[in-house]
Amino acid sequence: MIWILAAFLLLHLVFLRQRAADGDGFFLAQRQFHSIKLGMSLVATVLGASAVLGTVGWGYRYGLAGSAWLLAGVVGLGFLWVLVPALPDRRAVSIAGLVGSRAGSLPGRAVAIAIVPMWIAVAAAQVKALAALLAAHSALPPAVAAALVCALVPLYLWRGGQKAVVESDAVQFWFIVGAVALGFAGTLAAGAGFERGTVRAIGAEVPLWTLFPVMLSYLIGPDIHSRLLVTGSTRDRRRALVFAMLTLTAVGLALAAIGWAAHGRVAPEQSWRTGLALVDGLWFPLAVVMNLALTAALLSSLDTTLMTTGTLLAVDLGGGGVRGARFAVFGVSVAAGVVSQAGAGLIPLLMTAYQWYAGVLGPTVLFALFARGRTPGPAILAAVLGSAALLGGGLLLKMPFAFEAAFAWGIAATVLARWRAAGA
């Protein structure tokens, strides 16, 4: 198995030929991709291994309702579909550039400053999972496996940039979606019984309001917007979003059904291990396909995260261009590899990043992206600092609704400031 996974990783070196001739090619892939390929890239970016395994695990616990995590993301993409025409028309290379075009250079840089460490944590979670997958099938220590991953991915990003990301995502899309379809077909062929008595009611354990940060992260996610920037056409952006929404809905329901049908076949210690337990019990050729799909899911999220973070670091904070971004991608990769060796688990790393981004910066980014006119600088500062204090204090004291309080403060402070400015 390890040789097959290693060969799949090395296969990505074919994207070294995707040479970007200039900054427009490196950051925006010269805006030459059609809507379906962009939709495929969005799907591959969203479907990291944590989303795949997490949805199967929730399916094991809650049945089809376990698809709620991915469906919350679909709702976020739906809001984005509605609001796409309101996006700034500036030719930016990152979400920080878009924010800066409406809110001013200082908020734009503040967004970049906040995103970089958070998205290093996101990349670290993906490196950690990939390293664990490689180590599980070999005698490689996790640190060595992480070093291999962190050295490989920046190589094809170095030459191809955003084009290499989209092209590799299009390949990984077929591995991921194909494996899900194959797994669902195999579940049905095995005569799975979807019995209500085997699952619990999701509402009693996971109130739907707790999925709001998930929805919001799809609406204002740096990785999502880095993909939309690859085209300047509102029509192509909307078509790509529709393709992604339809695909993610089908995949989410299929993954939840696979988890639901796993009752009586596996008894995982933790629900998220359901998918791993199912793969371990498969006929070897089929297990290979499923492991390749997990690897593809992780790589598709990792290269996008590295590219997005490197761009923010080099361009929005450093004022550099392609050369600086290439070195920044390697630097971010090294940092993610180091963080991945810390004791934090996958879900804590991801949730910490998403909570701080959406809770503290969410209101500022929302208004900058989708609302006409500028928010006064002092109001932005008050909103961000107040949200950070509420979220940090709430988490430290383990208070409920810390995220919601932080987000509500940001919205209220911004609306009040814009209302006063309009009245003046």
Protein backbone atom coordinates (compact mmCIF):
# COMPACT_ATOMS: atom_id res chain seq x y z
CA MET A 1 0.00 0.00 0.00
CA ILE A 2 2.77 2.49 0.89
CA TRP A 3 4.32 2.17 -2.56
CA ILE A 4 0.98 2.90 -4.20
CA LEU A 5 0.41 5.96 -2.02
CA ALA A 6 3.98 7.16 -2.65
CA ALA A 7 3.52 6.74 -6.40
CA PHE A 8 0.29 8.74 -6.22
CA LEU A 9 2.07 11.54 -4.37
CA LEU A 10 4.91 11.57 -6.89
CA LEU A 11 2.36 11.65 -9.72
CA HIS A 12 1.71 15.25 -8.73
CA LEU A 13 5.16 16.17 -10.02
CA VAL A 14 3.64 16.09 -13.51
CA PHE A 15 2.18 19.49 -12.60
CA LEU A 16 5.72 20.87 -12.59
CA ARG A 17 5.15 21.52 -16.29
CA GLN A 18 2.43 24.04 -15.43
CA ARG A 19 4.86 26.95 -15.65
CA ALA A 20 3.41 30.37 -14.85
CA ALA A 21 5.03 32.97 -17.06
CA ASP A 22 4.03 36.04 -15.03
CA GLY A 23 2.12 37.23 -11.98
CA ASP A 24 -1.24 36.99 -13.72
CA GLY A 25 -0.52 33.36 -14.53
CA PHE A 26 0.86 32.50 -11.10
CA PHE A 27 -1.88 34.09 -8.99
CA LEU A 28 -4.90 33.97 -11.30
CA ALA A 29 -4.04 31.23 -13.83
CA GLN A 30 -4.63 33.94 -16.47
CA ARG A 31 -8.35 33.51 -15.79
CA GLN A 32 -8.66 30.88 -18.47
CA PHE A 33 -10.60 28.06 -16.75
CA HIS A 34 -14.20 27.26 -17.56
CA SER A 35 -16.91 27.07 -14.91
CA ILE A 36 -17.05 23.26 -14.62
CA LYS A 37 -13.34 22.93 -13.92
CA LEU A 38 -13.61 25.69 -11.33
CA GLY A 39 -16.56 23.86 -9.78
CA MET A 40 -14.52 20.66 -9.64
CA SER A 41 -11.71 22.57 -7.94
CA LEU A 42 -14.15 24.00 -5.38
CA VAL A 43 -15.47 20.52 -4.58
CA ALA A 44 -11.99 19.05 -4.23
CA THR A 45 -10.93 21.93 -1.99
CA VAL A 46 -13.94 21.52 0.30
CA LEU A 47 -13.76 17.72 0.52
CA GLY A 48 -10.72 17.32 2.69
CA ALA A 49 -10.31 14.06 4.57
CA SER A 50 -11.72 15.67 7.73
CA ALA A 51 -14.97 16.48 5.87
CA VAL A 52 -15.13 12.97 4.36
CA LEU A 53 -14.39 11.06 7.56
CA GLY A 54 -16.38 13.50 9.67
CA THR A 55 -19.51 13.08 7.53
CA VAL A 56 -19.24 9.29 7.54
CA GLY A 57 -18.87 9.44 11.33
CA TRP A 58 -21.89 11.68 11.72
CA GLY A 59 -23.81 9.32 9.42
CA TYR A 60 -22.94 6.48 11.81
CA ARG A 61 -24.39 8.49 14.70
CA TYR A 62 -27.26 10.40 13.09
CA GLY A 63 -28.13 8.72 9.79
CA LEU A 64 -28.79 10.95 6.79
CA ALA A 65 -28.93 13.94 9.13
CA GLY A 66 -25.18 13.43 9.47
CA SER A 67 -24.81 15.21 6.14
CA ALA A 68 -25.69 18.45 7.98
CA TRP A 69 -22.02 19.51 8.19
CA LEU A 70 -21.53 19.52 4.43
CA LEU A 71 -25.06 20.78 3.76
CA ALA A 72 -24.34 23.78 6.00
CA GLY A 73 -21.45 24.50 3.66
CA VAL A 74 -23.78 24.17 0.69
CA VAL A 75 -26.05 26.79 2.28
CA GLY A 76 -23.03 29.08 2.61
CA LEU A 77 -22.22 28.59 -1.06
CA GLY A 78 -25.87 29.35 -1.83
CA PHE A 79 -25.62 32.71 -0.09
CA LEU A 80 -22.39 33.33 -1.98
CA TRP A 81 -24.20 32.55 -5.26
CA VAL A 82 -26.74 35.25 -4.44
CA LEU A 83 -24.10 37.80 -3.41
CA VAL A 84 -21.49 37.16 -6.12
CA PRO A 85 -22.59 40.15 -8.24
CA ALA A 86 -21.89 42.44 -5.27
CA LEU A 87 -18.24 41.38 -4.98
CA PRO A 88 -15.70 44.15 -5.65
CA ASP A 89 -14.67 44.22 -9.32
CA ARG A 90 -11.05 45.01 -8.49
CA ARG A 91 -8.52 42.63 -10.04
CA ALA A 92 -7.19 41.27 -6.74
CA VAL A 93 -5.19 38.11 -6.05
CA SER A 94 -6.57 37.39 -2.56
CA ILE A 95 -9.51 38.01 -0.29
CA ALA A 96 -7.41 40.58 1.60
CA GLY A 97 -7.05 42.53 -1.64
CA LEU A 98 -10.81 42.49 -2.12
CA VAL A 99 -11.38 43.68 1.44
CA GLY A 100 -8.80 46.43 0.97
CA SER A 101 -10.52 47.70 -2.16
CA ARG A 102 -13.65 48.54 -0.17
CA ALA A 103 -12.58 48.95 3.46
CA GLY A 104 -9.12 50.44 2.95
CA SER A 105 -5.56 49.18 3.00
CA LEU A 106 -5.33 48.89 6.80
CA PRO A 107 -8.31 46.49 7.17
CA GLY A 108 -7.05 44.56 4.16
CA ARG A 109 -3.67 44.05 5.80
CA ALA A 110 -5.34 43.22 9.11
CA VAL A 111 -7.32 40.46 7.40
CA ALA A 112 -4.11 39.07 5.91
CA ILE A 113 -2.31 39.24 9.28
CA ALA A 114 -5.12 37.32 10.96
CA ILE A 115 -5.57 34.70 8.25
CA VAL A 116 -1.90 33.67 7.89
CA PRO A 117 -1.42 32.00 11.32
CA MET A 118 -4.92 30.54 11.24
CA TRP A 119 -4.43 28.98 7.83
CA ILE A 120 -1.01 27.65 8.83
CA ALA A 121 -2.95 25.73 11.50
CA VAL A 122 -5.39 24.50 8.83
CA ALA A 123 -2.47 23.36 6.64
CA ALA A 124 -0.89 21.68 9.68
CA ALA A 125 -4.05 19.64 10.24
CA GLN A 126 -3.92 18.42 6.65
CA VAL A 127 -0.20 17.60 6.88
CA LYS A 128 -0.84 15.76 10.14
CA ALA A 129 -3.54 13.61 8.55
CA LEU A 130 -1.46 12.86 5.45
CA ALA A 131 1.55 11.94 7.57
CA ALA A 132 -0.62 9.65 9.70
CA LEU A 133 -1.95 7.96 6.57
CA LEU A 134 1.56 7.33 5.24
CA ALA A 135 2.86 6.19 8.63
CA ALA A 136 -0.06 3.76 9.02
CA HIS A 137 1.06 1.87 5.91
CA SER A 138 4.82 1.97 6.48
CA ALA A 139 7.57 2.11 9.06
CA LEU A 140 8.05 5.83 8.42
CA PRO A 141 8.00 7.97 11.57
CA PRO A 142 5.23 10.62 11.35
CA ALA A 143 7.82 13.42 11.34
CA VAL A 144 9.56 11.95 8.25
CA ALA A 145 6.23 11.44 6.50
CA ALA A 146 5.28 15.07 7.26
CA ALA A 147 8.64 16.27 5.87
CA LEU A 148 8.03 14.38 2.61
CA VAL A 149 4.58 15.92 2.21
CA CYS A 150 5.83 19.43 3.00
CA ALA A 151 8.61 19.10 0.42
CA LEU A 152 6.48 17.67 -2.39
CA VAL A 153 3.48 20.00 -2.59
CA PRO A 154 5.43 23.30 -2.84
CA LEU A 155 7.40 21.89 -5.78
CA TYR A 156 4.52 21.99 -8.24
CA LEU A 157 3.15 25.19 -6.70
CA TRP A 158 6.58 26.80 -7.25
CA ARG A 159 6.23 26.62 -11.01
CA GLY A 160 2.53 26.56 -11.69
CA GLY A 161 0.93 28.52 -8.86
CA GLN A 162 -2.84 28.76 -9.09
CA LYS A 163 -2.97 26.91 -12.41
CA ALA A 164 -1.24 23.89 -10.89
CA VAL A 165 -3.73 23.99 -7.99
CA VAL A 166 -6.78 23.98 -10.26
CA GLU A 167 -5.37 21.35 -12.63
CA SER A 168 -4.42 19.02 -9.78
CA ASP A 169 -7.81 19.58 -8.13
CA ALA A 170 -9.54 18.51 -11.35
CA VAL A 171 -7.67 15.18 -11.21
CA GLN A 172 -8.24 14.72 -7.49
CA PHE A 173 -11.95 15.47 -7.94
CA TRP A 174 -12.44 12.23 -9.87
CA PHE A 175 -10.62 10.15 -7.26
CA ILE A 176 -12.70 11.61 -4.43
CA VAL A 177 -16.13 11.59 -6.09
CA GLY A 178 -15.47 8.24 -7.78
CA ALA A 179 -14.55 6.62 -4.47
CA VAL A 180 -17.66 8.02 -2.77
CA ALA A 181 -19.87 6.72 -5.61
CA LEU A 182 -18.16 3.33 -5.48
CA GLY A 183 -18.53 3.17 -1.70
CA PHE A 184 -22.21 4.07 -1.87
CA ALA A 185 -22.85 1.52 -4.62
CA GLY A 186 -21.06 -1.14 -2.58
CA THR A 187 -23.16 -0.23 0.45
CA LEU A 188 -26.37 -0.74 -1.51
CA ALA A 189 -25.09 -3.96 -3.11
CA ALA A 190 -24.33 -5.38 0.34
CA GLY A 191 -28.02 -5.07 1.19
CA ALA A 192 -27.59 -2.36 3.77
CA GLY A 193 -30.44 -1.83 6.15
CA PHE A 194 -31.08 1.79 7.06
CA GLU A 195 -32.83 1.30 10.40
CA ARG A 196 -33.89 4.32 12.40
CA GLY A 197 -33.28 2.53 15.67
CA THR A 198 -29.53 2.42 15.04
CA VAL A 199 -29.05 6.19 14.99
CA ARG A 200 -29.73 9.09 17.33
CA ALA A 201 -31.56 12.37 16.74
CA ILE A 202 -29.04 14.99 15.69
CA GLY A 203 -31.01 17.91 17.16
CA ALA A 204 -30.64 16.59 20.69
CA GLU A 205 -26.82 16.60 20.46
CA VAL A 206 -25.91 19.08 17.72
CA PRO A 207 -28.21 22.14 17.69
CA LEU A 208 -28.40 23.50 14.16
CA TRP A 209 -27.21 26.95 15.24
CA THR A 210 -23.79 25.46 15.99
CA LEU A 211 -23.35 24.92 12.24
CA PHE A 212 -23.51 28.66 11.57
CA PRO A 213 -19.69 29.08 11.64
CA VAL A 214 -19.43 26.29 9.06
CA MET A 215 -21.88 28.06 6.76
CA LEU A 216 -20.09 31.37 7.26
CA SER A 217 -16.67 29.89 6.50
CA TYR A 218 -17.91 28.90 3.04
CA LEU A 219 -19.34 32.37 2.40
CA ILE A 220 -16.15 34.28 3.29
CA GLY A 221 -13.50 31.54 3.13
CA PRO A 222 -10.12 32.69 1.73
CA ASP A 223 -9.73 29.41 -0.19
CA ILE A 224 -13.19 29.69 -1.74
CA HIS A 225 -12.57 33.24 -2.90
CA SER A 226 -9.10 32.42 -4.21
CA ARG A 227 -10.86 30.05 -6.59
CA LEU A 228 -13.49 32.58 -7.65
CA LEU A 229 -10.76 35.12 -8.43
CA VAL A 230 -9.50 32.79 -11.17
CA THR A 231 -12.34 34.09 -13.34
CA GLY A 232 -13.72 37.60 -13.70
CA SER A 233 -17.06 36.39 -15.05
CA THR A 234 -20.02 36.50 -12.68
CA ARG A 235 -21.78 33.92 -14.84
CA ASP A 236 -18.85 31.46 -14.60
CA ARG A 237 -18.57 32.01 -10.86
CA ARG A 238 -22.25 31.26 -10.38
CA ARG A 239 -22.11 28.19 -12.61
CA ALA A 240 -19.09 26.88 -10.67
CA LEU A 241 -20.94 27.43 -7.39
CA VAL A 242 -24.06 25.62 -8.66
CA PHE A 243 -21.91 22.68 -9.79
CA ALA A 244 -20.20 22.59 -6.39
CA MET A 245 -23.49 22.82 -4.46
CA LEU A 246 -25.13 19.99 -6.39
CA THR A 247 -22.06 17.75 -6.13
CA LEU A 248 -21.49 18.42 -2.43
CA THR A 249 -25.14 17.74 -1.63
CA ALA A 250 -25.00 14.37 -3.38
CA VAL A 251 -21.63 13.49 -1.83
CA GLY A 252 -22.76 14.57 1.65
CA LEU A 253 -25.89 12.41 1.53
CA ALA A 254 -23.92 9.44 0.14
CA LEU A 255 -21.25 9.69 2.85
CA ALA A 256 -23.87 9.91 5.60
CA ALA A 257 -25.68 6.88 4.13
CA ILE A 258 -22.41 4.90 4.09
CA GLY A 259 -21.88 5.71 7.76
CA TRP A 260 -25.49 4.83 8.63
CA ALA A 261 -25.21 1.46 6.91
CA ALA A 262 -21.98 0.66 8.80
CA HIS A 263 -23.95 -0.45 11.87
CA GLY A 264 -23.52 -4.16 12.34
CA ARG A 265 -20.30 -4.15 10.30
CA VAL A 266 -17.96 -2.03 12.43
CA ALA A 267 -17.98 -0.76 16.00
CA PRO A 268 -15.56 2.18 16.04
CA GLU A 269 -14.16 3.60 19.27
CA GLN A 270 -15.00 7.06 17.96
CA SER A 271 -17.57 7.77 15.28
CA TRP A 272 -15.11 9.58 13.00
CA ARG A 273 -13.10 6.34 12.76
CA THR A 274 -16.04 4.64 11.02
CA GLY A 275 -14.66 5.36 7.56
CA LEU A 276 -11.19 4.10 8.44
CA ALA A 277 -12.62 0.93 9.94
CA LEU A 278 -14.68 0.31 6.80
CA VAL A 279 -11.66 0.80 4.53
CA ASP A 280 -9.52 -1.57 6.62
CA GLY A 281 -12.07 -4.33 6.09
CA LEU A 282 -12.26 -3.98 2.31
CA TRP A 283 -10.87 -6.23 -0.39
CA PHE A 284 -7.32 -4.97 -0.99
CA PRO A 285 -7.81 -3.44 -4.49
CA LEU A 286 -10.86 -1.56 -3.24
CA ALA A 287 -8.98 -0.45 -0.12
CA VAL A 288 -6.30 0.99 -2.41
CA VAL A 289 -8.88 3.08 -4.24
CA MET A 290 -10.33 4.40 -0.99
CA ASN A 291 -6.91 5.26 0.45
CA LEU A 292 -6.02 7.08 -2.77
CA ALA A 293 -9.25 9.04 -2.45
CA LEU A 294 -8.37 10.07 1.11
CA THR A 295 -4.90 11.12 -0.07
CA ALA A 296 -6.41 13.11 -2.92
CA ALA A 297 -8.83 14.82 -0.54
CA LEU A 298 -6.01 15.89 1.74
CA LEU A 299 -3.75 17.08 -1.08
CA SER A 300 -6.50 19.11 -2.75
CA SER A 301 -7.10 21.03 0.48
CA LEU A 302 -3.41 21.34 1.36
CA ASP A 303 -2.14 22.85 -1.89
CA THR A 304 -4.96 25.42 -1.93
CA THR A 305 -4.26 26.37 1.69
CA LEU A 306 -0.52 26.77 1.04
CA MET A 307 -1.12 28.82 -2.09
CA THR A 308 -3.66 31.08 -0.38
CA THR A 309 -1.52 31.64 2.71
CA GLY A 310 1.69 32.19 0.72
CA THR A 311 -0.05 34.81 -1.43
CA LEU A 312 -1.37 36.69 1.60
CA LEU A 313 2.06 36.63 3.23
CA ALA A 314 4.09 37.69 0.19
CA VAL A 315 1.73 40.04 -1.65
CA ASP A 316 -0.66 41.55 0.89
CA LEU A 317 1.83 41.78 3.76
CA GLY A 318 5.19 41.83 2.01
CA GLY A 319 4.28 43.86 -1.07
CA GLY A 320 6.13 41.38 -3.26
CA GLY A 321 5.28 39.42 -6.37
CA VAL A 322 5.69 35.96 -7.80
CA ARG A 323 9.22 35.34 -6.51
CA GLY A 324 8.26 36.29 -2.98
CA ALA A 325 5.11 34.17 -3.14
CA ARG A 326 7.07 31.10 -4.22
CA PHE A 327 9.40 31.36 -1.24
CA ALA A 328 6.45 32.17 1.03
CA VAL A 329 4.68 28.95 -0.04
CA PHE A 330 7.76 26.95 1.00
CA GLY A 331 7.96 28.87 4.27
CA VAL A 332 4.30 28.25 5.06
CA SER A 333 4.76 24.56 4.23
CA VAL A 334 7.69 24.28 6.65
CA ALA A 335 5.74 26.09 9.36
CA ALA A 336 2.74 23.80 8.82
CA GLY A 337 5.01 20.75 9.07
CA VAL A 338 6.41 21.97 12.39
CA VAL A 339 2.96 22.78 13.81
CA SER A 340 1.66 19.39 12.65
CA GLN A 341 4.07 17.69 15.07
CA ALA A 342 2.54 19.47 18.06
CA GLY A 343 0.11 17.65 20.28
CA ALA A 344 -3.07 19.31 19.02
CA GLY A 345 -5.51 17.03 17.21
CA LEU A 346 -6.99 17.55 13.76
CA ILE A 347 -10.37 18.88 14.77
CA PRO A 348 -9.05 21.31 17.43
CA LEU A 349 -6.60 22.77 14.90
CA LEU A 350 -9.32 23.27 12.29
CA MET A 351 -12.02 24.56 14.63
CA THR A 352 -9.67 27.02 16.35
CA ALA A 353 -8.76 28.55 12.99
CA TYR A 354 -12.33 28.73 11.71
CA GLN A 355 -13.78 30.14 14.93
CA TRP A 356 -11.28 32.96 15.18
CA TYR A 357 -11.52 33.87 11.52
CA ALA A 358 -15.31 33.82 11.24
CA GLY A 359 -16.03 35.14 14.74
CA VAL A 360 -13.55 38.01 14.84
CA LEU A 361 -13.09 38.99 11.18
CA GLY A 362 -16.36 37.67 9.76
CA PRO A 363 -18.39 40.90 10.09
CA THR A 364 -15.60 43.07 8.66
CA VAL A 365 -15.06 40.75 5.71
CA LEU A 366 -18.80 40.43 5.04
CA PHE A 367 -19.36 44.18 4.86
CA ALA A 368 -16.20 44.77 2.83
CA LEU A 369 -17.08 42.12 0.27
CA PHE A 370 -20.82 42.59 -0.16
CA ALA A 371 -21.87 46.02 1.11
CA ARG A 372 -21.40 49.25 -0.83
CA GLY A 373 -19.54 52.07 0.84
CA ARG A 374 -16.79 52.02 3.44
CA THR A 375 -16.98 51.31 7.13
CA PRO A 376 -15.15 53.98 9.20
CA GLY A 377 -11.72 52.81 10.37
CA PRO A 378 -12.37 53.31 14.11
CA ALA A 379 -15.54 51.23 13.80
CA ILE A 380 -13.61 48.38 12.19
CA LEU A 381 -11.06 48.54 15.00
CA ALA A 382 -13.78 48.54 17.66
CA ALA A 383 -15.60 45.65 16.00
CA VAL A 384 -12.49 43.49 15.66
CA LEU A 385 -11.07 44.19 19.12
CA GLY A 386 -14.45 43.76 20.79
CA SER A 387 -15.13 40.47 18.98
CA ALA A 388 -11.64 39.19 19.84
CA ALA A 389 -12.15 40.05 23.51
CA LEU A 390 -15.56 38.39 23.66
CA LEU A 391 -14.41 35.24 21.86
CA GLY A 392 -11.13 34.94 23.75
CA GLY A 393 -12.73 35.59 27.13
CA GLY A 394 -15.65 33.29 26.39
CA LEU A 395 -13.43 30.42 25.33
CA LEU A 396 -11.11 30.94 28.30
CA LEU A 397 -14.03 30.86 30.73
CA LYS A 398 -15.73 28.05 28.75
CA MET A 399 -18.85 30.12 28.34
CA PRO A 400 -21.55 29.04 25.87
CA PHE A 401 -22.30 31.20 22.84
CA ALA A 402 -18.83 32.81 22.85
CA PHE A 403 -18.62 32.66 19.06
CA GLU A 404 -22.15 33.99 18.60
CA ALA A 405 -21.51 36.89 21.00
CA ALA A 406 -18.31 37.82 19.17
CA PHE A 407 -20.00 37.73 15.78
CA ALA A 408 -23.06 39.67 16.99
CA TRP A 409 -20.84 42.38 18.47
CA GLY A 410 -18.98 42.77 15.17
CA ILE A 411 -22.21 43.06 13.19
CA ALA A 412 -23.81 45.51 15.63
CA ALA A 413 -20.74 47.75 15.88
CA THR A 414 -20.33 47.88 12.11
CA VAL A 415 -24.01 48.54 11.34
CA LEU A 416 -24.20 51.31 13.94
CA ALA A 417 -21.05 52.99 12.63
CA ARG A 418 -22.23 52.83 9.01
CA TRP A 419 -25.65 54.20 10.02
CA ARG A 420 -24.06 57.14 11.85
CA ALA A 421 -21.70 57.82 8.95
CA ALA A 422 -24.62 57.81 6.50
CA GLY A 423 -26.57 60.21 8.74
CA ALA A 424 -23.65 62.55 8.99
